[in-house]
Amino acid sequence: KNIKHSGNLTKQQLFDIVRQMRPKSLAKEFKGTVKEVLGTCNAVGCTVEGMKPIALQKAIDDDEFECPES
């Protein structure tokens, strides 16, 4: 496999993806679905506005990253 992905998403692109995935998600809240998508971003090696997805997940947990309600 050894495929390198080097994509970089904007916050808006991330939220658009999350809105599409929301009906399939098992998360109770929108930010839970955001974290699910960030996990996938981490698995394929892409970043969000230059930040690593794991760092964004921690920021969401610490209420340092603003997520819309839906």
C-alpha atoms as a PDB file:
ATOM      1  CA  LYS A   1       0.000   0.000   0.000  1.00  0.00           C
ATOM      2  CA  ASN A   2       2.382   2.761   1.180  1.00  0.00           C
ATOM      3  CA  ILE A   3       0.313   5.511  -0.454  1.00  0.00           C
ATOM      4  CA  LYS A   4       0.980   9.033   0.810  1.00  0.00           C
ATOM      5  CA  HIS A   5      -2.051  11.312   1.006  1.00  0.00           C
ATOM      6  CA  SER A   6      -1.294  14.969   1.503  1.00  0.00           C
ATOM      7  CA  GLY A   7      -4.684  16.693   1.374  1.00  0.00           C
ATOM      8  CA  ASN A   8      -5.483  19.805   3.364  1.00  0.00           C
ATOM      9  CA  LEU A   9      -9.153  20.644   4.052  1.00  0.00           C
ATOM     10  CA  THR A  10     -10.652  23.938   5.133  1.00  0.00           C
ATOM     11  CA  LYS A  11     -13.042  24.055   8.101  1.00  0.00           C
ATOM     12  CA  GLN A  12     -15.899  24.668   5.665  1.00  0.00           C
ATOM     13  CA  GLN A  13     -15.014  21.582   3.623  1.00  0.00           C
ATOM     14  CA  LEU A  14     -14.793  19.535   6.832  1.00  0.00           C
ATOM     15  CA  PHE A  15     -18.241  20.684   7.986  1.00  0.00           C
ATOM     16  CA  ASP A  16     -19.716  20.004   4.521  1.00  0.00           C
ATOM     17  CA  ILE A  17     -18.391  16.431   4.671  1.00  0.00           C
ATOM     18  CA  VAL A  18     -19.739  16.017   8.205  1.00  0.00           C
ATOM     19  CA  ARG A  19     -23.205  17.205   7.138  1.00  0.00           C
ATOM     20  CA  GLN A  20     -23.208  14.550   4.407  1.00  0.00           C
ATOM     21  CA  MET A  21     -22.120  11.814   6.839  1.00  0.00           C
ATOM     22  CA  ARG A  22     -24.409  12.883   9.700  1.00  0.00           C
ATOM     23  CA  PRO A  23     -27.346  10.542   8.829  1.00  0.00           C
ATOM     24  CA  LYS A  24     -24.973   7.521   8.907  1.00  0.00           C
ATOM     25  CA  SER A  25     -23.216   8.547  12.116  1.00  0.00           C
ATOM     26  CA  LEU A  26     -23.914   6.911  15.455  1.00  0.00           C
ATOM     27  CA  ALA A  27     -22.801  10.025  17.372  1.00  0.00           C
ATOM     28  CA  LYS A  28     -25.419  11.869  19.427  1.00  0.00           C
ATOM     29  CA  GLU A  29     -24.067  15.331  18.651  1.00  0.00           C
ATOM     30  CA  PHE A  30     -22.697  17.054  15.553  1.00  0.00           C
ATOM     31  CA  LYS A  31     -19.266  17.423  17.135  1.00  0.00           C
ATOM     32  CA  GLY A  32     -19.149  13.651  17.639  1.00  0.00           C
ATOM     33  CA  THR A  33     -19.575  13.196  13.895  1.00  0.00           C
ATOM     34  CA  VAL A  34     -16.851  15.824  13.341  1.00  0.00           C
ATOM     35  CA  LYS A  35     -14.529  13.704  15.483  1.00  0.00           C
ATOM     36  CA  GLU A  36     -15.438  10.571  13.487  1.00  0.00           C
ATOM     37  CA  VAL A  37     -14.541  12.319  10.224  1.00  0.00           C
ATOM     38  CA  LEU A  38     -11.321  13.652  11.768  1.00  0.00           C
ATOM     39  CA  GLY A  39     -10.400  10.058  12.655  1.00  0.00           C
ATOM     40  CA  THR A  40     -10.751   9.149   8.995  1.00  0.00           C
ATOM     41  CA  CYS A  41      -8.702  12.207   8.013  1.00  0.00           C
ATOM     42  CA  ASN A  42      -5.967  10.998  10.337  1.00  0.00           C
ATOM     43  CA  ALA A  43      -6.104   7.490   8.858  1.00  0.00           C
ATOM     44  CA  VAL A  44      -5.586   8.740   5.296  1.00  0.00           C
ATOM     45  CA  GLY A  45      -3.069  11.400   6.317  1.00  0.00           C
ATOM     46  CA  CYS A  46      -4.875  14.640   5.520  1.00  0.00           C
ATOM     47  CA  THR A  47      -4.922  17.811   7.621  1.00  0.00           C
ATOM     48  CA  VAL A  48      -7.494  20.521   8.363  1.00  0.00           C
ATOM     49  CA  GLU A  49      -6.151  24.028   7.795  1.00  0.00           C
ATOM     50  CA  GLY A  50      -2.641  22.697   8.360  1.00  0.00           C
ATOM     51  CA  MET A  51      -3.441  21.114  11.739  1.00  0.00           C
ATOM     52  CA  LYS A  52      -3.241  17.408  12.487  1.00  0.00           C
ATOM     53  CA  PRO A  53      -6.675  15.779  13.012  1.00  0.00           C
ATOM     54  CA  ILE A  54      -5.664  14.369  16.423  1.00  0.00           C
ATOM     55  CA  ALA A  55      -4.871  17.902  17.644  1.00  0.00           C
ATOM     56  CA  LEU A  56      -8.293  19.077  16.442  1.00  0.00           C
ATOM     57  CA  GLN A  57     -10.037  16.214  18.250  1.00  0.00           C
ATOM     58  CA  LYS A  58      -8.310  17.279  21.472  1.00  0.00           C
ATOM     59  CA  ALA A  59      -9.290  20.914  20.815  1.00  0.00           C
ATOM     60  CA  ILE A  60     -12.932  19.837  20.398  1.00  0.00           C
ATOM     61  CA  ASP A  61     -12.775  17.983  23.721  1.00  0.00           C
ATOM     62  CA  ASP A  62     -11.304  21.084  25.379  1.00  0.00           C
ATOM     63  CA  ASP A  63     -13.935  23.376  23.741  1.00  0.00           C
ATOM     64  CA  GLU A  64     -11.196  25.259  21.880  1.00  0.00           C
ATOM     65  CA  PHE A  65     -12.543  24.400  18.399  1.00  0.00           C
ATOM     66  CA  GLU A  66     -15.911  25.858  17.403  1.00  0.00           C
ATOM     67  CA  CYS A  67     -18.343  23.335  15.926  1.00  0.00           C
ATOM     68  CA  PRO A  68     -21.726  24.431  14.594  1.00  0.00           C
ATOM     69  CA  GLU A  69     -24.838  22.757  16.041  1.00  0.00           C
ATOM     70  CA  SER A  70     -25.638  21.098  12.720  1.00  0.00           C
END
